[in-house]
Structure formats: structure tokens, C-alpha cells
C-alpha atoms as a PDB file:
ATOM      1  CA  MET A   1     -10.915   1.728 -15.826  1.00  0.00           C
ATOM      2  CA  ASN A   2      -9.912   4.298 -12.924  1.00  0.00           C
ATOM      3  CA  LEU A   3     -12.106   2.070 -10.507  1.00  0.00           C
ATOM      4  CA  TYR A   4     -10.300  -0.747 -11.500  1.00  0.00           C
ATOM      5  CA  VAL A   5      -6.374   0.807 -11.262  1.00  0.00           C
ATOM      6  CA  SER A   6      -8.064   2.918  -7.546  1.00  0.00           C
ATOM      7  CA  LEU A   7      -8.888  -0.891  -6.246  1.00  0.00           C
ATOM      8  CA  ILE A   8      -5.109  -2.194  -7.369  1.00  0.00           C
ATOM      9  CA  ARG A   9      -3.628   1.094  -5.733  1.00  0.00           C
ATOM     10  CA  THR A  10      -5.385   0.701  -1.880  1.00  0.00           C
ATOM     11  CA  GLY A  11      -5.460  -3.122  -2.711  1.00  0.00           C
ATOM     12  CA  ILE A  12      -1.815  -3.316  -2.785  1.00  0.00           C
ATOM     13  CA  PRO A  13       0.039  -1.733   0.234  1.00  0.00           C
ATOM     14  CA  ALA A  14      -3.396  -3.802   2.104  1.00  0.00           C
ATOM     15  CA  LEU A  15      -0.927  -6.819   1.161  1.00  0.00           C
ATOM     16  CA  ALA A  16       1.978  -5.146   1.846  1.00  0.00           C
ATOM     17  CA  GLY A  17       1.191  -4.620   4.675  1.00  0.00           C
ATOM     18  CA  TRP A  18      -0.445  -7.549   5.961  1.00  0.00           C
ATOM     19  CA  LEU A  19       3.196  -9.630   4.982  1.00  0.00           C
ATOM     20  CA  VAL A  20       4.751  -7.542   7.088  1.00  0.00           C
ATOM     21  CA  THR A  21       2.272  -7.960   9.965  1.00  0.00           C
ATOM     22  CA  LEU A  22       3.253 -11.086   8.901  1.00  0.00           C
ATOM     23  CA  ALA A  23       7.554 -11.091   9.530  1.00  0.00           C
ATOM     24  CA  ALA A  24       7.012  -9.456  12.354  1.00  0.00           C
ATOM     25  CA  ALA A  25       4.593 -11.751  14.351  1.00  0.00           C
ATOM     26  CA  HIS A  26       7.472 -14.267  13.537  1.00  0.00           C
ATOM     27  CA  GLY A  27      10.337 -12.989  15.289  1.00  0.00           C
ATOM     28  CA  LEU A  28       8.391 -10.323  18.154  1.00  0.00           C
ATOM     29  CA  HIS A  29       7.082 -12.320  20.756  1.00  0.00           C
ATOM     30  CA  LEU A  30       3.654  -9.784  21.033  1.00  0.00           C
ATOM     31  CA  ASP A  31      -0.235 -10.661  21.415  1.00  0.00           C
ATOM     32  CA  ALA A  32      -0.557 -11.687  17.315  1.00  0.00           C
ATOM     33  CA  GLN A  33      -3.697 -10.367  16.974  1.00  0.00           C
ATOM     34  CA  ALA A  34      -3.066  -6.869  18.842  1.00  0.00           C
ATOM     35  CA  LEU A  35      -0.192  -6.417  16.515  1.00  0.00           C
ATOM     36  CA  ALA A  36      -1.809  -7.149  13.540  1.00  0.00           C
ATOM     37  CA  GLY A  37      -4.465  -4.798  15.012  1.00  0.00           C
ATOM     38  CA  VAL A  38      -1.607  -1.863  15.039  1.00  0.00           C
ATOM     39  CA  LEU A  39       1.220  -3.020  12.532  1.00  0.00           C
ATOM     40  CA  THR A  40      -1.245  -3.832   9.393  1.00  0.00           C
ATOM     41  CA  PRO A  41      -2.732  -0.195   8.754  1.00  0.00           C
ATOM     42  CA  VAL A  42       0.520   1.806   9.431  1.00  0.00           C
ATOM     43  CA  ALA A  43       3.023  -1.067   7.910  1.00  0.00           C
ATOM     44  CA  ALA A  44       0.765  -0.393   4.786  1.00  0.00           C
ATOM     45  CA  PHE A  45       0.143   3.272   4.733  1.00  0.00           C
ATOM     46  CA  CYS A  46       3.619   3.713   5.414  1.00  0.00           C
ATOM     47  CA  TYR A  47       4.722   1.185   2.040  1.00  0.00           C
ATOM     48  CA  TYR A  48       1.706   3.481  -0.310  1.00  0.00           C
ATOM     49  CA  THR A  49       3.743   6.913   0.535  1.00  0.00           C
ATOM     50  CA  VAL A  50       6.815   6.194   0.603  1.00  0.00           C
ATOM     51  CA  PHE A  51       6.155   4.594  -3.617  1.00  0.00           C
ATOM     52  CA  ARG A  52       3.562   7.199  -4.125  1.00  0.00           C
ATOM     53  CA  LEU A  53       6.352  10.232  -3.249  1.00  0.00           C
ATOM     54  CA  ALA A  54       8.379   7.877  -5.274  1.00  0.00           C
ATOM     55  CA  GLU A  55       6.098   8.311  -8.334  1.00  0.00           C
ATOM     56  CA  HIS A  56       5.728  11.166  -8.204  1.00  0.00           C
ATOM     57  CA  TYR A  57       9.156  12.987  -7.595  1.00  0.00           C
ATOM     58  CA  VAL A  58      11.344   9.905  -9.047  1.00  0.00           C
ATOM     59  CA  SER A  59       9.964   8.362 -11.575  1.00  0.00           C
ATOM     60  CA  PRO A  60       6.220   6.937 -12.528  1.00  0.00           C
ATOM     61  CA  LYS A  61       7.816   3.464 -12.882  1.00  0.00           C
ATOM     62  CA  TRP A  62       7.400   3.232  -9.492  1.00  0.00           C
ATOM     63  CA  GLY A  63       3.690   3.137  -9.368  1.00  0.00           C
ATOM     64  CA  TRP A  64       4.051  -0.577  -9.666  1.00  0.00           C
ATOM     65  CA  LEU A  65       4.838  -1.390  -6.609  1.00  0.00           C
ATOM     66  CA  LEU A  66       1.502   0.232  -5.834  1.00  0.00           C
ATOM     67  CA  GLY A  67      -0.197  -1.885  -8.982  1.00  0.00           C
ATOM     68  CA  TYR A  68      -0.386  -0.101 -11.613  1.00  0.00           C
ATOM     69  CA  ALA A  69       2.131   2.118 -12.561  1.00  0.00           C
ATOM     70  CA  GLN A  70      -0.178   5.272 -13.941  1.00  0.00           C
ATOM     71  CA  PRO A  71      -2.137   7.001 -11.021  1.00  0.00           C
ATOM     72  CA  PRO A  72      -5.839   6.933 -11.529  1.00  0.00           C
ATOM     73  CA  GLN A  73      -7.207  10.339 -13.200  1.00  0.00           C
ATOM     74  CA  TYR A  74     -11.068  11.202 -12.001  1.00  0.00           C
ATOM     75  CA  ASP A  75     -12.972  12.910 -14.235  1.00  0.00           C
ATOM     76  CA  LEU A  76     -14.791  15.847 -11.892  1.00  0.00           C
ATOM     77  CA  ALA A  77     -17.158  17.037 -14.552  1.00  0.00           C
ATOM     78  CA  ALA A  78     -19.174  13.933 -13.176  1.00  0.00           C
END
């Protein structure tokens, strides 16, 4: 279950970053490949950071915007 949660919570911000990049590419007259190479990871990181902090400090319900409303819990004994 934790593997599934961690994959979902990584994939959703990556998807959001890609969508922001697509939107920006249509509004800016820059080389789309260069823009995607820089903007996608930046947008994904910003998306993840905002909603992870909201989940931690405001309400766990914000975790749904990362794909799953609970952060993965890892067994430290393993």
C-alpha cells in the first residue's frame, strides 16, 4: 500500500507540472522543448510543496490534491 501511495503522490505533481508547462507553452513564444525541460520539474516541485505543506499545517484533506489523502508511512524496522 505504501508503494502505491508514494507512486501516486509523485505522479500527480508530475502530471500537474506537465499541464502547467503545456499551458505556458501556448502563451509564450519560447522553444517548447527548452521550456518543458526547465518548467516541468519546477512546476511539479512547486505544486508538491504547496499541497504537502497545506496537508501538514492546514488539514490532511489537502493530500487528495497529491493523489491520496495520507502520506506514505515507511516501516523503519525494515
